[in-house]
C-alpha atoms as a PDB file:
ATOM      1  CA  UNK A   1       0.240  -0.319  -0.155  1.00  0.00           C
ATOM      2  CA  UNK A   2       1.277   3.384  -0.926  1.00  0.00           C
ATOM      3  CA  UNK A   3       2.216   5.058   2.538  1.00  0.00           C
ATOM      4  CA  UNK A   4       0.952   8.137   1.124  1.00  0.00           C
ATOM      5  CA  UNK A   5      -2.566   6.939   1.270  1.00  0.00           C
ATOM      6  CA  UNK A   6      -4.476   6.262   4.181  1.00  0.00           C
ATOM      7  CA  UNK A   7      -5.812   2.746   3.700  1.00  0.00           C
ATOM      8  CA  UNK A   8      -9.605   3.539   5.348  1.00  0.00           C
ATOM      9  CA  UNK A   9      -9.665   7.197   3.171  1.00  0.00           C
ATOM     10  CA  UNK A  10     -12.527   6.779   0.166  1.00  0.00           C
ATOM     11  CA  UNK A  11     -11.903   5.517  -2.669  1.00  0.00           C
ATOM     12  CA  UNK A  12     -12.041   8.594  -5.117  1.00  0.00           C
ATOM     13  CA  UNK A  13      -9.025   9.966  -2.935  1.00  0.00           C
ATOM     14  CA  UNK A  14      -7.032   7.809  -4.707  1.00  0.00           C
ATOM     15  CA  UNK A  15      -7.173  10.057  -7.952  1.00  0.00           C
ATOM     16  CA  UNK A  16      -6.019  12.874  -6.161  1.00  0.00           C
ATOM     17  CA  UNK A  17      -2.244  14.113  -7.235  1.00  0.00           C
ATOM     18  CA  UNK A  18      -0.099  15.863  -5.037  1.00  0.00           C
ATOM     19  CA  UNK A  19      -0.702  19.094  -4.127  1.00  0.00           C
ATOM     20  CA  UNK A  20       0.793  21.814  -6.776  1.00  0.00           C
ATOM     21  CA  UNK A  21       0.644  25.399  -7.325  1.00  0.00           C
ATOM     22  CA  UNK A  22      -0.192  26.403 -10.365  1.00  0.00           C
ATOM     23  CA  UNK A  23       1.147  29.405 -11.249  1.00  0.00           C
ATOM     24  CA  UNK A  24       0.350  32.292 -13.676  1.00  0.00           C
ATOM     25  CA  UNK A  25       1.411  36.103 -14.796  1.00  0.00           C
ATOM     26  CA  UNK A  26      -0.389  39.111 -16.108  1.00  0.00           C
ATOM     27  CA  UNK A  27      -1.146  42.573 -15.964  1.00  0.00           C
ATOM     28  CA  UNK A  28      -1.491  42.540 -12.708  1.00  0.00           C
ATOM     29  CA  UNK A  29       1.382  40.320 -11.740  1.00  0.00           C
ATOM     30  CA  UNK A  30       2.081  36.881 -10.791  1.00  0.00           C
ATOM     31  CA  UNK A  31      -0.427  34.426  -9.242  1.00  0.00           C
ATOM     32  CA  UNK A  32      -1.039  31.104  -7.880  1.00  0.00           C
ATOM     33  CA  UNK A  33      -3.392  28.847  -6.355  1.00  0.00           C
ATOM     34  CA  UNK A  34      -3.039  25.078  -4.817  1.00  0.00           C
ATOM     35  CA  UNK A  35      -4.655  22.334  -7.134  1.00  0.00           C
ATOM     36  CA  UNK A  36      -4.946  18.464  -6.424  1.00  0.00           C
ATOM     37  CA  UNK A  37      -5.652  17.979 -10.458  1.00  0.00           C
ATOM     38  CA  UNK A  38      -2.499  17.809 -12.375  1.00  0.00           C
ATOM     39  CA  UNK A  39      -2.099  14.254 -13.955  1.00  0.00           C
ATOM     40  CA  UNK A  40       0.612  12.878 -16.848  1.00  0.00           C
ATOM     41  CA  UNK A  41      -1.090  12.726 -20.401  1.00  0.00           C
ATOM     42  CA  UNK A  42       1.160  10.874 -22.569  1.00  0.00           C
ATOM     43  CA  UNK A  43       3.981   8.735 -22.780  1.00  0.00           C
ATOM     44  CA  UNK A  44       6.308  10.183 -25.352  1.00  0.00           C
ATOM     45  CA  UNK A  45       9.617  11.073 -23.663  1.00  0.00           C
ATOM     46  CA  UNK A  46      10.074  13.685 -25.650  1.00  0.00           C
ATOM     47  CA  UNK A  47       6.983  15.337 -26.092  1.00  0.00           C
ATOM     48  CA  UNK A  48       5.717  15.211 -22.040  1.00  0.00           C
ATOM     49  CA  UNK A  49       2.298  16.522 -21.546  1.00  0.00           C
ATOM     50  CA  UNK A  50       0.182  17.144 -18.381  1.00  0.00           C
ATOM     51  CA  UNK A  51      -3.848  17.894 -17.801  1.00  0.00           C
ATOM     52  CA  UNK A  52      -4.244  20.185 -15.676  1.00  0.00           C
ATOM     53  CA  UNK A  53      -8.213  20.863 -14.105  1.00  0.00           C
ATOM     54  CA  UNK A  54      -8.610  24.678 -12.588  1.00  0.00           C
ATOM     55  CA  UNK A  55     -12.090  25.891 -11.606  1.00  0.00           C
ATOM     56  CA  UNK A  56     -13.271  28.787 -13.504  1.00  0.00           C
ATOM     57  CA  UNK A  57     -13.630  31.338 -10.102  1.00  0.00           C
ATOM     58  CA  UNK A  58     -10.132  31.488  -9.551  1.00  0.00           C
ATOM     59  CA  UNK A  59      -8.267  34.169 -10.923  1.00  0.00           C
ATOM     60  CA  UNK A  60      -5.531  31.888 -12.045  1.00  0.00           C
ATOM     61  CA  UNK A  61      -7.720  30.084 -14.209  1.00  0.00           C
ATOM     62  CA  UNK A  62      -8.244  33.208 -16.006  1.00  0.00           C
ATOM     63  CA  UNK A  63      -4.578  33.909 -16.252  1.00  0.00           C
ATOM     64  CA  UNK A  64      -4.116  30.920 -17.703  1.00  0.00           C
ATOM     65  CA  UNK A  65      -7.092  31.416 -20.571  1.00  0.00           C
ATOM     66  CA  UNK A  66      -5.150  34.741 -21.580  1.00  0.00           C
ATOM     67  CA  UNK A  67      -1.416  34.167 -21.074  1.00  0.00           C
ATOM     68  CA  UNK A  68      -1.623  30.250 -22.270  1.00  0.00           C
ATOM     69  CA  UNK A  69       1.156  29.281 -20.282  1.00  0.00           C
ATOM     70  CA  UNK A  70       2.033  28.447 -16.391  1.00  0.00           C
ATOM     71  CA  UNK A  71       3.849  26.788 -13.940  1.00  0.00           C
ATOM     72  CA  UNK A  72       3.556  24.064 -11.660  1.00  0.00           C
ATOM     73  CA  UNK A  73       5.077  23.367  -8.699  1.00  0.00           C
ATOM     74  CA  UNK A  74       4.700  19.909  -6.497  1.00  0.00           C
ATOM     75  CA  UNK A  75       4.601  20.899  -2.895  1.00  0.00           C
ATOM     76  CA  UNK A  76       6.555  18.785  -0.561  1.00  0.00           C
ATOM     77  CA  UNK A  77       5.755  18.384   3.616  1.00  0.00           C
ATOM     78  CA  UNK A  78       7.835  21.583   4.667  1.00  0.00           C
ATOM     79  CA  UNK A  79       5.181  23.963   2.229  1.00  0.00           C
ATOM     80  CA  UNK A  80       2.334  23.290   4.518  1.00  0.00           C
ATOM     81  CA  UNK A  81       2.792  27.077   5.742  1.00  0.00           C
ATOM     82  CA  UNK A  82       1.481  27.459   1.555  1.00  0.00           C
ATOM     83  CA  UNK A  83      -1.528  26.142   2.220  1.00  0.00           C
ATOM     84  CA  UNK A  84      -3.776  28.728   3.826  1.00  0.00           C
ATOM     85  CA  UNK A  85      -2.312  31.783   1.719  1.00  0.00           C
ATOM     86  CA  UNK A  86      -2.656  29.945  -1.768  1.00  0.00           C
ATOM     87  CA  UNK A  87      -5.202  27.730  -0.730  1.00  0.00           C
ATOM     88  CA  UNK A  88      -8.148  29.716   1.051  1.00  0.00           C
ATOM     89  CA  UNK A  89      -7.953  33.029  -0.494  1.00  0.00           C
ATOM     90  CA  UNK A  90      -9.152  34.836  -3.529  1.00  0.00           C
ATOM     91  CA  UNK A  91      -6.380  37.043  -5.550  1.00  0.00           C
ATOM     92  CA  UNK A  92     -10.078  38.469  -6.478  1.00  0.00           C
ATOM     93  CA  UNK A  93      -9.249  39.864  -3.206  1.00  0.00           C
ATOM     94  CA  UNK A  94      -5.464  41.595  -3.631  1.00  0.00           C
ATOM     95  CA  UNK A  95      -2.223  40.144  -4.366  1.00  0.00           C
ATOM     96  CA  UNK A  96      -1.720  36.807  -2.333  1.00  0.00           C
ATOM     97  CA  UNK A  97       1.654  36.249  -3.526  1.00  0.00           C
ATOM     98  CA  UNK A  98       3.596  39.123  -1.369  1.00  0.00           C
ATOM     99  CA  UNK A  99       6.034  38.057   0.767  1.00  0.00           C
ATOM    100  CA  UNK A 100       6.287  34.418  -0.147  1.00  0.00           C
ATOM    101  CA  UNK A 101       9.255  33.001  -1.346  1.00  0.00           C
ATOM    102  CA  UNK A 102       9.660  32.402  -5.047  1.00  0.00           C
ATOM    103  CA  UNK A 103      11.014  33.768  -8.836  1.00  0.00           C
ATOM    104  CA  UNK A 104       9.682  34.168 -12.152  1.00  0.00           C
ATOM    105  CA  UNK A 105      10.553  31.931 -15.423  1.00  0.00           C
ATOM    106  CA  UNK A 106      11.608  34.180 -18.148  1.00  0.00           C
ATOM    107  CA  UNK A 107       8.160  33.145 -19.311  1.00  0.00           C
ATOM    108  CA  UNK A 108       7.408  35.558 -15.974  1.00  0.00           C
ATOM    109  CA  UNK A 109       5.245  32.712 -14.081  1.00  0.00           C
ATOM    110  CA  UNK A 110       6.202  31.834 -10.487  1.00  0.00           C
ATOM    111  CA  UNK A 111       8.256  28.896  -9.477  1.00  0.00           C
ATOM    112  CA  UNK A 112       8.027  28.534  -5.737  1.00  0.00           C
ATOM    113  CA  UNK A 113      11.235  28.192  -3.914  1.00  0.00           C
ATOM    114  CA  UNK A 114      11.120  25.123  -1.286  1.00  0.00           C
ATOM    115  CA  UNK A 115       8.993  22.846  -3.952  1.00  0.00           C
ATOM    116  CA  UNK A 116       9.598  19.479  -4.888  1.00  0.00           C
ATOM    117  CA  UNK A 117      10.358  20.469  -8.510  1.00  0.00           C
ATOM    118  CA  UNK A 118       8.349  22.448 -11.195  1.00  0.00           C
ATOM    119  CA  UNK A 119       7.772  22.180 -14.533  1.00  0.00           C
ATOM    120  CA  UNK A 120       6.917  25.398 -17.239  1.00  0.00           C
ATOM    121  CA  UNK A 121       3.878  24.283 -19.369  1.00  0.00           C
ATOM    122  CA  UNK A 122       2.289  26.063 -22.635  1.00  0.00           C
ATOM    123  CA  UNK A 123      -1.681  25.339 -22.990  1.00  0.00           C
ATOM    124  CA  UNK A 124      -2.482  22.814 -26.849  1.00  0.00           C
ATOM    125  CA  UNK A 125      -5.912  22.802 -25.702  1.00  0.00           C
ATOM    126  CA  UNK A 126      -8.570  23.633 -23.342  1.00  0.00           C
ATOM    127  CA  UNK A 127     -11.397  21.620 -22.376  1.00  0.00           C
ATOM    128  CA  UNK A 128     -14.643  23.022 -20.804  1.00  0.00           C
ATOM    129  CA  UNK A 129     -16.395  21.120 -17.610  1.00  0.00           C
ATOM    130  CA  UNK A 130     -18.304  23.393 -17.030  1.00  0.00           C
ATOM    131  CA  UNK A 131     -17.356  25.162 -13.721  1.00  0.00           C
ATOM    132  CA  UNK A 132     -13.715  24.724 -14.819  1.00  0.00           C
ATOM    133  CA  UNK A 133     -11.571  23.613 -17.871  1.00  0.00           C
ATOM    134  CA  UNK A 134      -9.335  21.018 -17.958  1.00  0.00           C
ATOM    135  CA  UNK A 135      -5.689  22.460 -19.931  1.00  0.00           C
ATOM    136  CA  UNK A 136      -3.709  19.563 -21.869  1.00  0.00           C
ATOM    137  CA  UNK A 137      -0.210  21.328 -22.029  1.00  0.00           C
ATOM    138  CA  UNK A 138       2.977  20.871 -22.992  1.00  0.00           C
ATOM    139  CA  UNK A 139       5.728  20.409 -20.561  1.00  0.00           C
ATOM    140  CA  UNK A 140       8.492  23.150 -22.330  1.00  0.00           C
ATOM    141  CA  UNK A 141      10.883  23.050 -19.183  1.00  0.00           C
ATOM    142  CA  UNK A 142      10.889  20.756 -15.693  1.00  0.00           C
ATOM    143  CA  UNK A 143      13.598  19.888 -12.875  1.00  0.00           C
ATOM    144  CA  UNK A 144      13.353  17.896  -9.735  1.00  0.00           C
ATOM    145  CA  UNK A 145      14.700  19.999  -6.835  1.00  0.00           C
ATOM    146  CA  UNK A 146      14.726  17.283  -3.939  1.00  0.00           C
ATOM    147  CA  UNK A 147      13.609  13.854  -3.461  1.00  0.00           C
ATOM    148  CA  UNK A 148      11.671  15.772  -0.246  1.00  0.00           C
ATOM    149  CA  UNK A 149       8.080  13.588   0.610  1.00  0.00           C
ATOM    150  CA  UNK A 150       5.057  14.735  -1.826  1.00  0.00           C
ATOM    151  CA  UNK A 151       2.210  16.249  -0.013  1.00  0.00           C
ATOM    152  CA  UNK A 152      -0.788  14.963  -0.756  1.00  0.00           C
ATOM    153  CA  UNK A 153      -4.249  16.292   0.228  1.00  0.00           C
ATOM    154  CA  UNK A 154      -5.994  13.248   1.470  1.00  0.00           C
ATOM    155  CA  UNK A 155      -2.943  12.816   4.274  1.00  0.00           C
ATOM    156  CA  UNK A 156      -2.652  16.224   4.705  1.00  0.00           C
ATOM    157  CA  UNK A 157      -6.124  17.589   5.734  1.00  0.00           C
ATOM    158  CA  UNK A 158      -6.362  15.155   9.137  1.00  0.00           C
ATOM    159  CA  UNK A 159      -3.284  16.880  10.094  1.00  0.00           C
ATOM    160  CA  UNK A 160      -3.705  20.239   9.471  1.00  0.00           C
ATOM    161  CA  UNK A 161      -4.705  22.910  12.364  1.00  0.00           C
ATOM    162  CA  UNK A 162      -8.558  23.031  13.474  1.00  0.00           C
ATOM    163  CA  UNK A 163      -9.371  26.562  12.138  1.00  0.00           C
ATOM    164  CA  UNK A 164      -7.308  25.548   8.688  1.00  0.00           C
ATOM    165  CA  UNK A 165      -9.691  22.635   8.560  1.00  0.00           C
ATOM    166  CA  UNK A 166     -12.638  24.812   9.775  1.00  0.00           C
ATOM    167  CA  UNK A 167     -11.509  27.662   6.952  1.00  0.00           C
ATOM    168  CA  UNK A 168     -11.055  24.551   4.361  1.00  0.00           C
ATOM    169  CA  UNK A 169     -14.753  23.339   5.194  1.00  0.00           C
ATOM    170  CA  UNK A 170     -16.550  26.793   4.698  1.00  0.00           C
ATOM    171  CA  UNK A 171     -14.715  27.162   1.481  1.00  0.00           C
ATOM    172  CA  UNK A 172     -15.445  23.793   0.175  1.00  0.00           C
ATOM    173  CA  UNK A 173     -18.818  23.979   1.215  1.00  0.00           C
ATOM    174  CA  UNK A 174     -19.530  27.628  -0.563  1.00  0.00           C
ATOM    175  CA  UNK A 175     -17.219  26.043  -3.904  1.00  0.00           C
ATOM    176  CA  UNK A 176     -19.797  23.247  -3.827  1.00  0.00           C
ATOM    177  CA  UNK A 177     -22.987  25.569  -4.147  1.00  0.00           C
ATOM    178  CA  UNK A 178     -20.833  27.760  -6.757  1.00  0.00           C
ATOM    179  CA  UNK A 179     -19.672  24.965  -8.924  1.00  0.00           C
ATOM    180  CA  UNK A 180     -22.888  22.189  -8.620  1.00  0.00           C
ATOM    181  CA  UNK A 181     -25.303  24.477 -11.387  1.00  0.00           C
ATOM    182  CA  UNK A 182     -22.256  24.588 -13.704  1.00  0.00           C
ATOM    183  CA  UNK A 183     -20.542  21.172 -13.771  1.00  0.00           C
ATOM    184  CA  UNK A 184     -21.452  19.118 -16.959  1.00  0.00           C
ATOM    185  CA  UNK A 185     -22.823  16.024 -15.920  1.00  0.00           C
ATOM    186  CA  UNK A 186     -25.373  12.905 -16.590  1.00  0.00           C
ATOM    187  CA  UNK A 187     -29.006  14.642 -18.784  1.00  0.00           C
ATOM    188  CA  UNK A 188     -31.463  13.907 -16.095  1.00  0.00           C
ATOM    189  CA  UNK A 189     -33.925  10.958 -17.016  1.00  0.00           C
END
């Protein structure tokens, strides 16, 4: 059994990827958000591709739609402190990268210091999911920085401080209410 997955967790949690930060930039500067939906999308080693799902209410979604490139940083256990800063608040309310340790790629996308590794991607196609968009992307550059343990949401959530768990529960409840009517889903009988 995978040591990063709880034996008694829900089966669908097995389909979540390590926590990543999806970063992009626009006229107002760089931005990033936490994501659990980045997956490998190919087997050709010299043409690597990824699929990343971003929800439409997130500012990063709009940046990626406009710019067509972004970075993916894989979080490790030492970066738990980035979760509330980049996962619980929206940059629609103001800049959220202030005070965080990152540098920009030549394309202007943020790479967070201390990450397990990162990739810079260019969008090939975007697939509308109603509530979000799945971006099929070409990996232009990728770099593994450390052999640290990746951070998985299903393992992390029960270990978060109670205040963070409460903030997450409130955020996800709002998101579910917002996204349910937007989702592409099976037709009603």
